[in-house]
Amino acid sequence: MMTVRVACFILMVTVTPYGWQTWIFAAGAAVLPYLAVVVANVGNGDEVVVAERPSREIDAGPTAATTPTEPDDKVIRIQESPPREER
């Protein structure tokens, strides 16, 4: 379709004397891009997309223990001191 459009555009410019055929070529050059897009976007409509229910691929991991298994002496605690007064 785009080749026909280019041909219409070239014929519109080159065919002389300008008359009714010039308007036909101009209309073809203007309308063919729209028709090409419409034809390209039209599907055959036979495709039916069926949604599939997702399945769980992996099992849930073990649950967290309620008591810590490591001693508390490995925990680093940072505490800020209050700001000093400047004199």
C-alpha atoms as a PDB file:
ATOM      1  CA  MET A   1       0.000   0.000   0.000  1.00  0.00           C
ATOM      2  CA  MET A   2       2.786   2.396   0.775  1.00  0.00           C
ATOM      3  CA  THR A   3       4.317   1.754  -2.653  1.00  0.00           C
ATOM      4  CA  VAL A   4       1.004   2.676  -4.244  1.00  0.00           C
ATOM      5  CA  ARG A   5       0.923   5.801  -2.073  1.00  0.00           C
ATOM      6  CA  VAL A   6       4.374   6.865  -3.237  1.00  0.00           C
ATOM      7  CA  ALA A   7       3.331   6.206  -6.836  1.00  0.00           C
ATOM      8  CA  CYS A   8       0.195   8.347  -6.330  1.00  0.00           C
ATOM      9  CA  PHE A   9       2.293  11.146  -4.879  1.00  0.00           C
ATOM     10  CA  ILE A  10       4.771  11.046  -7.769  1.00  0.00           C
ATOM     11  CA  LEU A  11       1.969  10.902 -10.365  1.00  0.00           C
ATOM     12  CA  MET A  12       0.196  13.791  -8.639  1.00  0.00           C
ATOM     13  CA  VAL A  13       3.257  15.983  -9.124  1.00  0.00           C
ATOM     14  CA  THR A  14       4.344  14.830 -12.575  1.00  0.00           C
ATOM     15  CA  VAL A  15       1.088  14.403 -14.542  1.00  0.00           C
ATOM     16  CA  THR A  16       0.280  17.597 -16.424  1.00  0.00           C
ATOM     17  CA  PRO A  17      -1.991  19.379 -17.109  1.00  0.00           C
ATOM     18  CA  TYR A  18      -3.331  19.426 -13.580  1.00  0.00           C
ATOM     19  CA  GLY A  19      -6.963  18.378 -13.543  1.00  0.00           C
ATOM     20  CA  TRP A  20      -9.313  15.842 -12.046  1.00  0.00           C
ATOM     21  CA  GLN A  21      -6.696  13.071 -12.138  1.00  0.00           C
ATOM     22  CA  THR A  22      -4.433  15.189  -9.923  1.00  0.00           C
ATOM     23  CA  TRP A  23      -7.171  15.198  -7.273  1.00  0.00           C
ATOM     24  CA  ILE A  24      -7.560  11.418  -7.546  1.00  0.00           C
ATOM     25  CA  PHE A  25      -3.810  10.915  -7.029  1.00  0.00           C
ATOM     26  CA  ALA A  26      -3.815  13.405  -4.121  1.00  0.00           C
ATOM     27  CA  ALA A  27      -6.722  11.574  -2.466  1.00  0.00           C
ATOM     28  CA  GLY A  28      -4.887   8.261  -2.902  1.00  0.00           C
ATOM     29  CA  ALA A  29      -1.711   9.700  -1.394  1.00  0.00           C
ATOM     30  CA  ALA A  30      -3.670  11.090   1.574  1.00  0.00           C
ATOM     31  CA  VAL A  31      -6.019   8.167   2.303  1.00  0.00           C
ATOM     32  CA  LEU A  32      -3.739   5.158   1.710  1.00  0.00           C
ATOM     33  CA  PRO A  33      -1.664   5.593   4.935  1.00  0.00           C
ATOM     34  CA  TYR A  34      -4.855   5.461   7.003  1.00  0.00           C
ATOM     35  CA  LEU A  35      -6.067   2.369   5.169  1.00  0.00           C
ATOM     36  CA  ALA A  36      -2.667   0.697   5.572  1.00  0.00           C
ATOM     37  CA  VAL A  37      -2.772   1.199   9.343  1.00  0.00           C
ATOM     38  CA  VAL A  38      -6.350  -0.076   9.602  1.00  0.00           C
ATOM     39  CA  VAL A  39      -5.559  -3.178   7.544  1.00  0.00           C
ATOM     40  CA  ALA A  40      -2.401  -3.847   9.565  1.00  0.00           C
ATOM     41  CA  ASN A  41      -4.249  -3.614  12.884  1.00  0.00           C
ATOM     42  CA  VAL A  42      -7.188  -5.817  11.918  1.00  0.00           C
ATOM     43  CA  GLY A  43      -6.824  -9.334  13.224  1.00  0.00           C
ATOM     44  CA  ASN A  44      -8.722 -12.389  12.154  1.00  0.00           C
ATOM     45  CA  GLY A  45     -10.553 -12.350  15.517  1.00  0.00           C
ATOM     46  CA  ASP A  46     -10.358 -16.130  15.941  1.00  0.00           C
ATOM     47  CA  GLU A  47      -7.831 -15.958  18.744  1.00  0.00           C
ATOM     48  CA  VAL A  48      -9.350 -16.645  22.138  1.00  0.00           C
ATOM     49  CA  VAL A  49      -7.081 -15.930  25.047  1.00  0.00           C
ATOM     50  CA  VAL A  50      -7.815 -18.134  28.022  1.00  0.00           C
ATOM     51  CA  ALA A  51      -6.482 -16.988  31.358  1.00  0.00           C
ATOM     52  CA  GLU A  52      -4.614 -19.659  33.241  1.00  0.00           C
ATOM     53  CA  ARG A  53      -4.703 -19.933  36.982  1.00  0.00           C
ATOM     54  CA  PRO A  54      -1.209 -19.436  38.382  1.00  0.00           C
ATOM     55  CA  SER A  55       0.293 -22.442  40.101  1.00  0.00           C
ATOM     56  CA  ARG A  56       2.596 -22.412  43.071  1.00  0.00           C
ATOM     57  CA  GLU A  57       6.077 -23.257  41.835  1.00  0.00           C
ATOM     58  CA  ILE A  58       7.877 -23.617  45.166  1.00  0.00           C
ATOM     59  CA  ASP A  59       6.731 -24.592  48.640  1.00  0.00           C
ATOM     60  CA  ALA A  60       6.814 -22.127  51.495  1.00  0.00           C
ATOM     61  CA  GLY A  61      10.050 -22.092  53.461  1.00  0.00           C
ATOM     62  CA  PRO A  62      10.368 -23.054  57.109  1.00  0.00           C
ATOM     63  CA  THR A  63       8.725 -20.740  59.620  1.00  0.00           C
ATOM     64  CA  ALA A  64      10.857 -18.495  61.837  1.00  0.00           C
ATOM     65  CA  ALA A  65      11.715 -19.773  65.289  1.00  0.00           C
ATOM     66  CA  THR A  66      10.141 -17.941  68.211  1.00  0.00           C
ATOM     67  CA  THR A  67      13.359 -17.915  70.264  1.00  0.00           C
ATOM     68  CA  PRO A  68      16.690 -16.725  68.868  1.00  0.00           C
ATOM     69  CA  THR A  69      19.140 -19.543  68.271  1.00  0.00           C
ATOM     70  CA  GLU A  70      22.250 -17.353  68.581  1.00  0.00           C
ATOM     71  CA  PRO A  71      23.402 -15.703  71.774  1.00  0.00           C
ATOM     72  CA  ASP A  72      22.719 -11.983  72.284  1.00  0.00           C
ATOM     73  CA  ASP A  73      26.422 -11.128  72.644  1.00  0.00           C
ATOM     74  CA  LYS A  74      26.736 -10.976  68.839  1.00  0.00           C
ATOM     75  CA  VAL A  75      24.232  -8.135  68.618  1.00  0.00           C
ATOM     76  CA  ILE A  76      25.825  -4.710  68.264  1.00  0.00           C
ATOM     77  CA  ARG A  77      23.857  -1.916  69.854  1.00  0.00           C
ATOM     78  CA  ILE A  78      24.558   1.713  69.022  1.00  0.00           C
ATOM     79  CA  GLN A  79      23.289   4.463  71.257  1.00  0.00           C
ATOM     80  CA  GLU A  80      23.636   8.177  70.674  1.00  0.00           C
ATOM     81  CA  SER A  81      24.667  10.396  73.513  1.00  0.00           C
ATOM     82  CA  PRO A  82      22.747  13.605  74.117  1.00  0.00           C
ATOM     83  CA  PRO A  83      24.298  16.731  72.552  1.00  0.00           C
ATOM     84  CA  ARG A  84      26.741  18.675  74.713  1.00  0.00           C
ATOM     85  CA  GLU A  85      26.086  22.250  75.581  1.00  0.00           C
ATOM     86  CA  GLU A  86      28.520  24.654  74.020  1.00  0.00           C
ATOM     87  CA  ARG A  87      29.731  27.620  76.021  1.00  0.00           C
END
